[in-house]
Amino acid sequence: MHVPDGFINAQVSAATGLISFATLWAYIKSAKNLVADKLIALTGMMSALIFVLQMINFPIAAGTSGHLLGGALAVIVLGPSLGVICISIVVIIQSLLFADGGLSALGVNVLNMAIVTSLTGWLSITFWKKVFGDSRVSLISGSVVAGLFSVVFSSIAFVLEYAIGGTVSVPLGSVLVAMISTHLFIGLGEGIITALIISLLLRVRSDLVYVNTKKSSSNNISTSYGIFIILILSLTLITPYASSSPDGLESVASDFGFQETDGIVLLLEDYGISSINNTFLSTIVSALFGVLVITGASTLFLRKKSGKN
């Protein structure tokens, strides 16, 4: 779902950039007084976890794969303000560090992958709780729905942007059908992954789940660190086995002839380190490097904005 350079023209890219970063700034200001030390650490851990999960493409059909976007997971655990900030940090660093998503399309990707997914996920889980209550079963099933809808609406957002500023003329109705049908399957995978992680947190540290009103109090911060560290390291070992098939957007783009231009690569590309000849090791090292950078950037940024030393 990372939009590369060349899909969207400069005018729409600039407009989405302004919308994205104005929205992000508003969420940063609203989160400033809410950020406690525990939430700063939790946001850093969640950012790293979502980064690793986004590296793991899973097959959804012959020749097509998908990966977690993470907006629903972030808001269910962190709430809407920190959730949007969490995913935005991941998307920005992916573009700057790994050339995953074009620099010119950074505003598009923040809007689609962070803001649209997070807001859709938040509205979905909030509505689900009002209708079905906030029991453990309700929160888990609502996580599936929130994950599914967040991905589908993100794909719709891309089609709308392409309708306004696409660089190649394509049959938009057909593109819309292809994007929605493809991302329904990806969204289902997203929903299942989100529900599995929420189920685990509700079982071992229910106080870490923002939408859970029946929290069991716990001051054992090391337990929460341990949960996330184990998840992150375990998933990092899986990253070399991710599907190499194009993701949903890449597959649709290939079918309809979207034109990608060569973008600027600032540091690494495609989650690999060229100086390491072993692909397995290269992927793991780049994943761990990304985890450290994203965790550090998220933690330092939130501490600075909250006025903590």
C-alpha atoms as a PDB file:
ATOM      1  CA  MET A   1       0.000   0.000   0.000  1.00  0.00           C
ATOM      2  CA  HIS A   2       3.062   2.235  -0.045  1.00  0.00           C
ATOM      3  CA  VAL A   3       2.564   4.595  -2.998  1.00  0.00           C
ATOM      4  CA  PRO A   4       5.827   5.091  -4.921  1.00  0.00           C
ATOM      5  CA  ASP A   5       6.984   8.167  -6.806  1.00  0.00           C
ATOM      6  CA  GLY A   6       5.221   8.753 -10.104  1.00  0.00           C
ATOM      7  CA  PHE A   7       1.705   7.448  -9.381  1.00  0.00           C
ATOM      8  CA  ILE A   8       0.282  10.795  -8.232  1.00  0.00           C
ATOM      9  CA  ASN A   9       1.066  14.188  -9.776  1.00  0.00           C
ATOM     10  CA  ALA A  10       2.903  16.966  -7.958  1.00  0.00           C
ATOM     11  CA  GLN A  11      -0.180  19.075  -7.207  1.00  0.00           C
ATOM     12  CA  VAL A  12      -2.100  16.299  -5.445  1.00  0.00           C
ATOM     13  CA  SER A  13       1.057  15.066  -3.733  1.00  0.00           C
ATOM     14  CA  ALA A  14       1.625  18.552  -2.331  1.00  0.00           C
ATOM     15  CA  ALA A  15      -2.021  18.922  -1.274  1.00  0.00           C
ATOM     16  CA  THR A  16      -2.064  15.569   0.519  1.00  0.00           C
ATOM     17  CA  GLY A  17       1.223  16.522   2.156  1.00  0.00           C
ATOM     18  CA  LEU A  18      -0.337  19.673   3.589  1.00  0.00           C
ATOM     19  CA  ILE A  19      -3.445  17.793   4.746  1.00  0.00           C
ATOM     20  CA  SER A  20      -1.419  14.975   6.274  1.00  0.00           C
ATOM     21  CA  PHE A  21       1.060  17.060   8.208  1.00  0.00           C
ATOM     22  CA  ALA A  22      -1.551  19.586   9.367  1.00  0.00           C
ATOM     23  CA  THR A  23      -3.628  16.682  10.691  1.00  0.00           C
ATOM     24  CA  LEU A  24      -0.581  15.067  12.247  1.00  0.00           C
ATOM     25  CA  TRP A  25       0.388  18.330  13.936  1.00  0.00           C
ATOM     26  CA  ALA A  26      -3.119  18.644  15.389  1.00  0.00           C
ATOM     27  CA  TYR A  27      -2.877  15.134  16.834  1.00  0.00           C
ATOM     28  CA  ILE A  28       0.575  15.882  18.238  1.00  0.00           C
ATOM     29  CA  LYS A  29      -0.796  18.944  20.044  1.00  0.00           C
ATOM     30  CA  SER A  30      -3.788  16.990  21.387  1.00  0.00           C
ATOM     31  CA  ALA A  31      -1.535  14.191  22.634  1.00  0.00           C
ATOM     32  CA  LYS A  32       0.981  16.496  24.325  1.00  0.00           C
ATOM     33  CA  ASN A  33      -0.742  16.565  27.713  1.00  0.00           C
ATOM     34  CA  LEU A  34      -1.737  12.903  27.600  1.00  0.00           C
ATOM     35  CA  VAL A  35       1.701  11.378  27.249  1.00  0.00           C
ATOM     36  CA  ALA A  36       2.970   9.670  30.386  1.00  0.00           C
ATOM     37  CA  ASP A  37       6.252   7.785  30.605  1.00  0.00           C
ATOM     38  CA  LYS A  38       4.463   4.446  30.209  1.00  0.00           C
ATOM     39  CA  LEU A  39       2.662   5.625  27.069  1.00  0.00           C
ATOM     40  CA  ILE A  40       5.855   6.993  25.539  1.00  0.00           C
ATOM     41  CA  ALA A  41       7.531   3.612  25.959  1.00  0.00           C
ATOM     42  CA  LEU A  42       4.426   1.766  24.765  1.00  0.00           C
ATOM     43  CA  THR A  43       4.196   3.937  21.637  1.00  0.00           C
ATOM     44  CA  GLY A  44       7.838   3.245  20.841  1.00  0.00           C
ATOM     45  CA  MET A  45       7.313  -0.497  21.237  1.00  0.00           C
ATOM     46  CA  MET A  46       4.115  -0.425  19.180  1.00  0.00           C
ATOM     47  CA  SER A  47       5.840   1.537  16.401  1.00  0.00           C
ATOM     48  CA  ALA A  48       8.620  -1.070  16.244  1.00  0.00           C
ATOM     49  CA  LEU A  49       6.130  -3.955  16.272  1.00  0.00           C
ATOM     50  CA  ILE A  50       4.085  -2.484  13.420  1.00  0.00           C
ATOM     51  CA  PHE A  51       7.248  -1.776  11.422  1.00  0.00           C
ATOM     52  CA  VAL A  52       8.272  -5.447  11.630  1.00  0.00           C
ATOM     53  CA  LEU A  53       4.748  -6.630  10.837  1.00  0.00           C
ATOM     54  CA  GLN A  54       4.709  -4.440   7.736  1.00  0.00           C
ATOM     55  CA  MET A  55       7.825  -6.246   6.508  1.00  0.00           C
ATOM     56  CA  ILE A  56       6.010  -9.597   6.537  1.00  0.00           C
ATOM     57  CA  ASN A  57       3.996  -9.939   3.327  1.00  0.00           C
ATOM     58  CA  PHE A  58       1.515 -12.803   3.366  1.00  0.00           C
ATOM     59  CA  PRO A  59       0.054 -14.375   0.190  1.00  0.00           C
ATOM     60  CA  ILE A  60      -3.608 -13.629  -0.515  1.00  0.00           C
ATOM     61  CA  ALA A  61      -3.940 -15.023  -4.048  1.00  0.00           C
ATOM     62  CA  ALA A  62      -1.788 -16.336  -6.848  1.00  0.00           C
ATOM     63  CA  GLY A  63       0.892 -13.715  -7.447  1.00  0.00           C
ATOM     64  CA  THR A  64      -0.389 -11.181  -4.904  1.00  0.00           C
ATOM     65  CA  SER A  65       0.479 -10.532  -1.277  1.00  0.00           C
ATOM     66  CA  GLY A  66      -0.485  -8.169   1.504  1.00  0.00           C
ATOM     67  CA  HIS A  67       0.908  -6.904   4.768  1.00  0.00           C
ATOM     68  CA  LEU A  68      -0.379  -5.268   7.912  1.00  0.00           C
ATOM     69  CA  LEU A  69      -0.920  -1.510   7.801  1.00  0.00           C
ATOM     70  CA  GLY A  70      -1.395  -1.259  11.552  1.00  0.00           C
ATOM     71  CA  GLY A  71      -3.733   1.706  11.952  1.00  0.00           C
ATOM     72  CA  ALA A  72      -6.480  -0.256  13.695  1.00  0.00           C
ATOM     73  CA  LEU A  73      -4.009  -2.035  15.964  1.00  0.00           C
ATOM     74  CA  ALA A  74      -2.361   1.262  16.931  1.00  0.00           C
ATOM     75  CA  VAL A  75      -5.562   3.083  17.889  1.00  0.00           C
ATOM     76  CA  ILE A  76      -7.018   0.116  19.767  1.00  0.00           C
ATOM     77  CA  VAL A  77      -3.888  -0.051  21.933  1.00  0.00           C
ATOM     78  CA  LEU A  78      -2.839   3.617  22.057  1.00  0.00           C
ATOM     79  CA  GLY A  79      -5.986   5.618  21.330  1.00  0.00           C
ATOM     80  CA  PRO A  80      -6.595   7.873  18.306  1.00  0.00           C
ATOM     81  CA  SER A  81      -3.979  10.587  18.921  1.00  0.00           C
ATOM     82  CA  LEU A  82      -0.990   8.392  19.728  1.00  0.00           C
ATOM     83  CA  GLY A  83      -2.185   5.821  17.180  1.00  0.00           C
ATOM     84  CA  VAL A  84      -1.969   8.301  14.301  1.00  0.00           C
ATOM     85  CA  ILE A  85       1.426   9.522  15.534  1.00  0.00           C
ATOM     86  CA  CYS A  86       2.704   5.944  15.855  1.00  0.00           C
ATOM     87  CA  ILE A  87       1.835   4.925  12.277  1.00  0.00           C
ATOM     88  CA  SER A  88       2.999   8.254  10.858  1.00  0.00           C
ATOM     89  CA  ILE A  89       6.438   7.784  12.381  1.00  0.00           C
ATOM     90  CA  VAL A  90       6.654   4.297  10.860  1.00  0.00           C
ATOM     91  CA  VAL A  91       5.599   5.503   7.395  1.00  0.00           C
ATOM     92  CA  ILE A  92       7.965   8.488   7.436  1.00  0.00           C
ATOM     93  CA  ILE A  93      10.998   6.444   8.485  1.00  0.00           C
ATOM     94  CA  GLN A  94      10.166   3.710   5.971  1.00  0.00           C
ATOM     95  CA  SER A  95      10.294   6.301   3.212  1.00  0.00           C
ATOM     96  CA  LEU A  96      13.429   8.078   4.432  1.00  0.00           C
ATOM     97  CA  LEU A  97      15.392   5.013   5.491  1.00  0.00           C
ATOM     98  CA  PHE A  98      14.271   2.157   3.237  1.00  0.00           C
ATOM     99  CA  ALA A  99      12.795   3.919   0.163  1.00  0.00           C
ATOM    100  CA  ASP A 100       9.505   2.123   0.915  1.00  0.00           C
ATOM    101  CA  GLY A 101       7.073   4.675  -0.457  1.00  0.00           C
ATOM    102  CA  GLY A 102       8.248   7.586  -2.569  1.00  0.00           C
ATOM    103  CA  LEU A 103       9.487  10.817  -1.041  1.00  0.00           C
ATOM    104  CA  SER A 104       7.182  12.813  -3.302  1.00  0.00           C
ATOM    105  CA  ALA A 105       4.307  10.549  -2.184  1.00  0.00           C
ATOM    106  CA  LEU A 106       5.076  10.855   1.532  1.00  0.00           C
ATOM    107  CA  GLY A 107       1.977  12.968   2.171  1.00  0.00           C
ATOM    108  CA  VAL A 108      -0.162  10.455   0.281  1.00  0.00           C
ATOM    109  CA  ASN A 109       1.224   7.566   2.310  1.00  0.00           C
ATOM    110  CA  VAL A 110       0.839   9.307   5.668  1.00  0.00           C
ATOM    111  CA  LEU A 111      -2.747  10.176   4.751  1.00  0.00           C
ATOM    112  CA  ASN A 112      -3.702   6.710   3.486  1.00  0.00           C
ATOM    113  CA  MET A 113      -1.669   4.457   5.747  1.00  0.00           C
ATOM    114  CA  ALA A 114      -1.676   6.446   8.993  1.00  0.00           C
ATOM    115  CA  ILE A 115      -4.593   8.865   9.113  1.00  0.00           C
ATOM    116  CA  VAL A 116      -7.270   7.032   7.107  1.00  0.00           C
ATOM    117  CA  THR A 117      -6.507   3.622   8.620  1.00  0.00           C
ATOM    118  CA  SER A 118      -6.317   4.969  12.169  1.00  0.00           C
ATOM    119  CA  LEU A 119      -9.508   7.030  11.968  1.00  0.00           C
ATOM    120  CA  THR A 120     -11.419   4.229  10.240  1.00  0.00           C
ATOM    121  CA  GLY A 121     -10.159   1.736  12.794  1.00  0.00           C
ATOM    122  CA  TRP A 122     -11.097   4.048  15.666  1.00  0.00           C
ATOM    123  CA  LEU A 123     -14.607   4.737  14.339  1.00  0.00           C
ATOM    124  CA  SER A 124     -15.119   1.014  13.695  1.00  0.00           C
ATOM    125  CA  ILE A 125     -14.065  -0.199  17.145  1.00  0.00           C
ATOM    126  CA  THR A 126     -15.971   2.644  18.858  1.00  0.00           C
ATOM    127  CA  PHE A 127     -19.186   1.817  16.994  1.00  0.00           C
ATOM    128  CA  TRP A 128     -18.674  -1.911  17.623  1.00  0.00           C
ATOM    129  CA  LYS A 129     -18.349  -1.304  21.379  1.00  0.00           C
ATOM    130  CA  LYS A 130     -21.539   0.771  21.456  1.00  0.00           C
ATOM    131  CA  VAL A 131     -23.484  -1.997  19.733  1.00  0.00           C
ATOM    132  CA  PHE A 132     -21.922  -5.111  21.283  1.00  0.00           C
ATOM    133  CA  GLY A 133     -20.422  -3.852  24.534  1.00  0.00           C
ATOM    134  CA  ASP A 134     -16.820  -4.049  25.664  1.00  0.00           C
ATOM    135  CA  SER A 135     -16.453  -7.653  26.711  1.00  0.00           C
ATOM    136  CA  ARG A 136     -13.265  -9.467  25.748  1.00  0.00           C
ATOM    137  CA  VAL A 137     -15.054 -11.288  22.924  1.00  0.00           C
ATOM    138  CA  SER A 138     -16.507  -8.021  21.634  1.00  0.00           C
ATOM    139  CA  LEU A 139     -13.125  -6.275  21.591  1.00  0.00           C
ATOM    140  CA  ILE A 140     -11.483  -9.155  19.753  1.00  0.00           C
ATOM    141  CA  SER A 141     -14.233  -9.469  17.146  1.00  0.00           C
ATOM    142  CA  GLY A 142     -14.329  -5.684  16.808  1.00  0.00           C
ATOM    143  CA  SER A 143     -10.592  -5.741  16.143  1.00  0.00           C
ATOM    144  CA  VAL A 144     -11.195  -7.964  13.115  1.00  0.00           C
ATOM    145  CA  VAL A 145     -13.807  -5.547  11.763  1.00  0.00           C
ATOM    146  CA  ALA A 146     -11.654  -2.480  12.468  1.00  0.00           C
ATOM    147  CA  GLY A 147      -8.659  -4.030  10.725  1.00  0.00           C
ATOM    148  CA  LEU A 148     -10.742  -5.039   7.704  1.00  0.00           C
ATOM    149  CA  PHE A 149     -12.412  -1.659   7.246  1.00  0.00           C
ATOM    150  CA  SER A 150      -9.193   0.298   7.801  1.00  0.00           C
ATOM    151  CA  VAL A 151      -7.501  -1.413   4.863  1.00  0.00           C
ATOM    152  CA  VAL A 152     -10.489  -1.185   2.527  1.00  0.00           C
ATOM    153  CA  PHE A 153     -10.995   2.531   3.182  1.00  0.00           C
ATOM    154  CA  SER A 154      -7.289   3.156   2.711  1.00  0.00           C
ATOM    155  CA  SER A 155      -7.537   1.550  -0.734  1.00  0.00           C
ATOM    156  CA  ILE A 156     -10.572   3.699  -1.554  1.00  0.00           C
ATOM    157  CA  ALA A 157      -8.646   6.807  -0.489  1.00  0.00           C
ATOM    158  CA  PHE A 158      -5.902   5.938  -2.962  1.00  0.00           C
ATOM    159  CA  VAL A 159      -8.404   5.547  -5.816  1.00  0.00           C
ATOM    160  CA  LEU A 160      -9.920   8.951  -4.999  1.00  0.00           C
ATOM    161  CA  GLU A 161      -6.463  10.526  -5.030  1.00  0.00           C
ATOM    162  CA  TYR A 162      -5.642   8.805  -8.292  1.00  0.00           C
ATOM    163  CA  ALA A 163      -8.931  10.020  -9.791  1.00  0.00           C
ATOM    164  CA  ILE A 164      -7.830  13.594  -9.074  1.00  0.00           C
ATOM    165  CA  GLY A 165      -4.105  13.399  -9.737  1.00  0.00           C
ATOM    166  CA  GLY A 166      -3.233  10.118 -11.422  1.00  0.00           C
ATOM    167  CA  THR A 167      -0.413  10.350 -13.926  1.00  0.00           C
ATOM    168  CA  VAL A 168      -1.825   7.716 -16.300  1.00  0.00           C
ATOM    169  CA  SER A 169      -5.373   7.567 -17.652  1.00  0.00           C
ATOM    170  CA  VAL A 170      -7.044   4.371 -16.418  1.00  0.00           C
ATOM    171  CA  PRO A 171     -10.656   3.128 -16.112  1.00  0.00           C
ATOM    172  CA  LEU A 172     -11.304   4.333 -12.563  1.00  0.00           C
ATOM    173  CA  GLY A 173     -14.348   2.146 -12.007  1.00  0.00           C
ATOM    174  CA  SER A 174     -12.343  -0.963 -12.817  1.00  0.00           C
ATOM    175  CA  VAL A 175      -9.456   0.219 -10.647  1.00  0.00           C
ATOM    176  CA  LEU A 176     -11.835   0.824  -7.739  1.00  0.00           C
ATOM    177  CA  VAL A 177     -13.297  -2.673  -8.031  1.00  0.00           C
ATOM    178  CA  ALA A 178      -9.828  -4.220  -8.306  1.00  0.00           C
ATOM    179  CA  MET A 179      -8.492  -2.275  -5.305  1.00  0.00           C
ATOM    180  CA  ILE A 180     -11.452  -3.044  -3.068  1.00  0.00           C
ATOM    181  CA  SER A 181     -11.639  -6.734  -3.989  1.00  0.00           C
ATOM    182  CA  THR A 182      -7.904  -7.205  -3.498  1.00  0.00           C
ATOM    183  CA  HIS A 183      -7.791  -5.280  -0.232  1.00  0.00           C
ATOM    184  CA  LEU A 184     -10.806  -7.085   1.202  1.00  0.00           C
ATOM    185  CA  PHE A 185      -8.583 -10.154   1.480  1.00  0.00           C
ATOM    186  CA  ILE A 186      -5.656  -8.113   2.794  1.00  0.00           C
ATOM    187  CA  GLY A 187      -8.006  -6.432   5.260  1.00  0.00           C
ATOM    188  CA  LEU A 188      -9.216  -9.790   6.497  1.00  0.00           C
ATOM    189  CA  GLY A 189      -5.609 -10.766   7.157  1.00  0.00           C
ATOM    190  CA  GLU A 190      -5.085  -7.426   8.899  1.00  0.00           C
ATOM    191  CA  GLY A 191      -8.147  -7.987  11.045  1.00  0.00           C
ATOM    192  CA  ILE A 192      -7.042 -11.457  12.104  1.00  0.00           C
ATOM    193  CA  ILE A 193      -3.514 -10.297  12.977  1.00  0.00           C
ATOM    194  CA  THR A 194      -4.911  -7.326  14.899  1.00  0.00           C
ATOM    195  CA  ALA A 195      -7.309  -9.557  16.826  1.00  0.00           C
ATOM    196  CA  LEU A 196      -4.571 -12.049  17.708  1.00  0.00           C
ATOM    197  CA  ILE A 197      -2.355  -9.327  19.176  1.00  0.00           C
ATOM    198  CA  ILE A 198      -5.254  -7.678  21.035  1.00  0.00           C
ATOM    199  CA  SER A 199      -6.278 -11.083  22.391  1.00  0.00           C
ATOM    200  CA  LEU A 200      -2.755 -11.638  23.705  1.00  0.00           C
ATOM    201  CA  LEU A 201      -2.614  -8.210  25.355  1.00  0.00           C
ATOM    202  CA  LEU A 202      -6.060  -8.616  26.923  1.00  0.00           C
ATOM    203  CA  ARG A 203      -4.936 -11.897  28.393  1.00  0.00           C
ATOM    204  CA  VAL A 204      -1.598 -10.813  29.859  1.00  0.00           C
ATOM    205  CA  ARG A 205      -1.762  -6.978  30.205  1.00  0.00           C
ATOM    206  CA  SER A 206      -5.309  -5.748  29.626  1.00  0.00           C
ATOM    207  CA  ASP A 207      -4.370  -2.349  31.067  1.00  0.00           C
ATOM    208  CA  LEU A 208      -2.274  -1.695  27.954  1.00  0.00           C
ATOM    209  CA  VAL A 209      -5.316  -1.741  25.642  1.00  0.00           C
ATOM    210  CA  TYR A 210      -6.744   1.779  25.358  1.00  0.00           C
ATOM    211  CA  VAL A 211     -10.263   0.757  24.318  1.00  0.00           C
ATOM    212  CA  ASN A 212     -10.590  -1.738  27.158  1.00  0.00           C
ATOM    213  CA  THR A 213     -12.602  -0.148  30.003  1.00  0.00           C
ATOM    214  CA  LYS A 214     -12.304  -3.237  32.214  1.00  0.00           C
ATOM    215  CA  LYS A 215      -8.615  -2.862  32.864  1.00  0.00           C
ATOM    216  CA  SER A 216      -6.828  -4.876  35.491  1.00  0.00           C
ATOM    217  CA  SER A 217      -4.294  -2.525  37.038  1.00  0.00           C
ATOM    218  CA  SER A 218      -0.627  -3.445  36.811  1.00  0.00           C
ATOM    219  CA  ASN A 219       2.522  -1.494  37.495  1.00  0.00           C
ATOM    220  CA  ASN A 220       4.874  -4.143  36.139  1.00  0.00           C
ATOM    221  CA  ILE A 221       6.351  -2.176  33.257  1.00  0.00           C
ATOM    222  CA  SER A 222       8.981  -4.845  32.580  1.00  0.00           C
ATOM    223  CA  THR A 223       6.208  -7.308  31.726  1.00  0.00           C
ATOM    224  CA  SER A 224       4.872  -5.062  28.969  1.00  0.00           C
ATOM    225  CA  TYR A 225       8.394  -4.499  27.644  1.00  0.00           C
ATOM    226  CA  GLY A 226       8.978  -8.242  27.639  1.00  0.00           C
ATOM    227  CA  ILE A 227       5.805  -8.963  25.671  1.00  0.00           C
ATOM    228  CA  PHE A 228       6.706  -6.526  22.928  1.00  0.00           C
ATOM    229  CA  ILE A 229      10.387  -7.451  22.804  1.00  0.00           C
ATOM    230  CA  ILE A 230       9.538 -11.142  22.421  1.00  0.00           C
ATOM    231  CA  LEU A 231       6.985 -10.364  19.697  1.00  0.00           C
ATOM    232  CA  ILE A 232       9.337  -8.033  17.825  1.00  0.00           C
ATOM    233  CA  LEU A 233      12.328 -10.395  17.927  1.00  0.00           C
ATOM    234  CA  SER A 234      10.219 -13.441  16.998  1.00  0.00           C
ATOM    235  CA  LEU A 235       8.624 -11.649  14.052  1.00  0.00           C
ATOM    236  CA  THR A 236      12.009 -10.295  12.945  1.00  0.00           C
ATOM    237  CA  LEU A 237      13.167 -13.890  12.423  1.00  0.00           C
ATOM    238  CA  ILE A 238      10.181 -14.399  10.103  1.00  0.00           C
ATOM    239  CA  THR A 239      10.867 -11.373   7.884  1.00  0.00           C
ATOM    240  CA  PRO A 240      13.219 -13.227   5.483  1.00  0.00           C
ATOM    241  CA  TYR A 241      10.384 -15.661   4.723  1.00  0.00           C
ATOM    242  CA  ALA A 242       7.885 -12.968   3.693  1.00  0.00           C
ATOM    243  CA  SER A 243       6.142 -13.443   0.360  1.00  0.00           C
ATOM    244  CA  SER A 244       8.043 -11.908  -2.533  1.00  0.00           C
ATOM    245  CA  SER A 245       4.858 -11.439  -4.575  1.00  0.00           C
ATOM    246  CA  PRO A 246       3.781  -7.837  -5.262  1.00  0.00           C
ATOM    247  CA  ASP A 247       1.396  -6.370  -2.714  1.00  0.00           C
ATOM    248  CA  GLY A 248      -2.172  -5.361  -3.517  1.00  0.00           C
ATOM    249  CA  LEU A 249      -1.367  -1.902  -4.861  1.00  0.00           C
ATOM    250  CA  GLU A 250       1.625  -3.132  -6.863  1.00  0.00           C
ATOM    251  CA  SER A 251      -0.485  -5.901  -8.374  1.00  0.00           C
ATOM    252  CA  VAL A 252      -3.293  -3.537  -9.417  1.00  0.00           C
ATOM    253  CA  ALA A 253      -0.743  -1.016 -10.713  1.00  0.00           C
ATOM    254  CA  SER A 254       0.844  -3.711 -12.853  1.00  0.00           C
ATOM    255  CA  ASP A 255      -2.549  -4.738 -14.269  1.00  0.00           C
ATOM    256  CA  PHE A 256      -3.548  -1.177 -15.178  1.00  0.00           C
ATOM    257  CA  GLY A 257      -0.172   0.216 -16.201  1.00  0.00           C
ATOM    258  CA  PHE A 258       0.473   2.812 -13.513  1.00  0.00           C
ATOM    259  CA  GLN A 259       3.842   4.382 -14.113  1.00  0.00           C
ATOM    260  CA  GLU A 260       6.393   4.411 -11.301  1.00  0.00           C
ATOM    261  CA  THR A 261       9.344   6.773 -11.625  1.00  0.00           C
ATOM    262  CA  ASP A 262      12.760   6.288 -10.124  1.00  0.00           C
ATOM    263  CA  GLY A 263      12.771   7.932  -6.720  1.00  0.00           C
ATOM    264  CA  ILE A 264      15.522   9.191  -4.464  1.00  0.00           C
ATOM    265  CA  VAL A 265      17.114   6.570  -2.224  1.00  0.00           C
ATOM    266  CA  LEU A 266      18.626   8.290   0.807  1.00  0.00           C
ATOM    267  CA  LEU A 267      20.053   5.275   2.641  1.00  0.00           C
ATOM    268  CA  LEU A 268      18.853   1.684   2.225  1.00  0.00           C
ATOM    269  CA  GLU A 269      16.416   0.164  -0.243  1.00  0.00           C
ATOM    270  CA  ASP A 270      14.036  -2.798  -0.098  1.00  0.00           C
ATOM    271  CA  TYR A 271      15.001  -3.664   3.469  1.00  0.00           C
ATOM    272  CA  GLY A 272      18.393  -5.019   2.490  1.00  0.00           C
ATOM    273  CA  ILE A 273      22.013  -4.131   3.166  1.00  0.00           C
ATOM    274  CA  SER A 274      24.081  -4.485  -0.002  1.00  0.00           C
ATOM    275  CA  SER A 275      27.325  -5.092   1.892  1.00  0.00           C
ATOM    276  CA  ILE A 276      25.848  -8.273   3.431  1.00  0.00           C
ATOM    277  CA  ASN A 277      25.781 -10.970   0.753  1.00  0.00           C
ATOM    278  CA  ASN A 278      23.508 -13.333   2.715  1.00  0.00           C
ATOM    279  CA  THR A 279      19.885 -12.341   2.004  1.00  0.00           C
ATOM    280  CA  PHE A 280      18.559 -13.934   5.192  1.00  0.00           C
ATOM    281  CA  LEU A 281      21.044 -12.099   7.394  1.00  0.00           C
ATOM    282  CA  SER A 282      20.716  -8.861   5.436  1.00  0.00           C
ATOM    283  CA  THR A 283      16.941  -8.779   5.948  1.00  0.00           C
ATOM    284  CA  ILE A 284      17.198  -9.495   9.674  1.00  0.00           C
ATOM    285  CA  VAL A 285      19.909  -6.879  10.215  1.00  0.00           C
ATOM    286  CA  SER A 286      17.920  -4.250   8.306  1.00  0.00           C
ATOM    287  CA  ALA A 287      14.802  -5.152  10.312  1.00  0.00           C
ATOM    288  CA  LEU A 288      16.662  -4.793  13.616  1.00  0.00           C
ATOM    289  CA  PHE A 289      18.197  -1.532  12.419  1.00  0.00           C
ATOM    290  CA  GLY A 290      14.737  -0.240  11.544  1.00  0.00           C
ATOM    291  CA  VAL A 291      13.379  -1.349  14.918  1.00  0.00           C
ATOM    292  CA  LEU A 292      16.095   0.556  16.764  1.00  0.00           C
ATOM    293  CA  VAL A 293      15.675   3.705  14.667  1.00  0.00           C
ATOM    294  CA  ILE A 294      11.868   3.727  14.890  1.00  0.00           C
ATOM    295  CA  THR A 295      11.789   2.971  18.621  1.00  0.00           C
ATOM    296  CA  GLY A 296      14.380   5.649  19.313  1.00  0.00           C
ATOM    297  CA  ALA A 297      12.778   8.243  17.054  1.00  0.00           C
ATOM    298  CA  SER A 298       9.298   7.645  18.479  1.00  0.00           C
ATOM    299  CA  THR A 299      10.479   7.764  22.081  1.00  0.00           C
ATOM    300  CA  LEU A 300      12.665  10.853  21.672  1.00  0.00           C
ATOM    301  CA  PHE A 301      10.012  12.708  19.682  1.00  0.00           C
ATOM    302  CA  LEU A 302       7.258  12.089  22.237  1.00  0.00           C
ATOM    303  CA  ARG A 303       9.504  12.910  25.176  1.00  0.00           C
ATOM    304  CA  LYS A 304      10.444  16.199  23.555  1.00  0.00           C
ATOM    305  CA  LYS A 305       6.843  17.103  22.730  1.00  0.00           C
ATOM    306  CA  SER A 306       5.679  16.206  26.247  1.00  0.00           C
ATOM    307  CA  GLY A 307       8.406  18.349  27.811  1.00  0.00           C
ATOM    308  CA  LYS A 308      10.154  15.409  29.464  1.00  0.00           C
ATOM    309  CA  ASN A 309      13.945  15.182  29.630  1.00  0.00           C
END
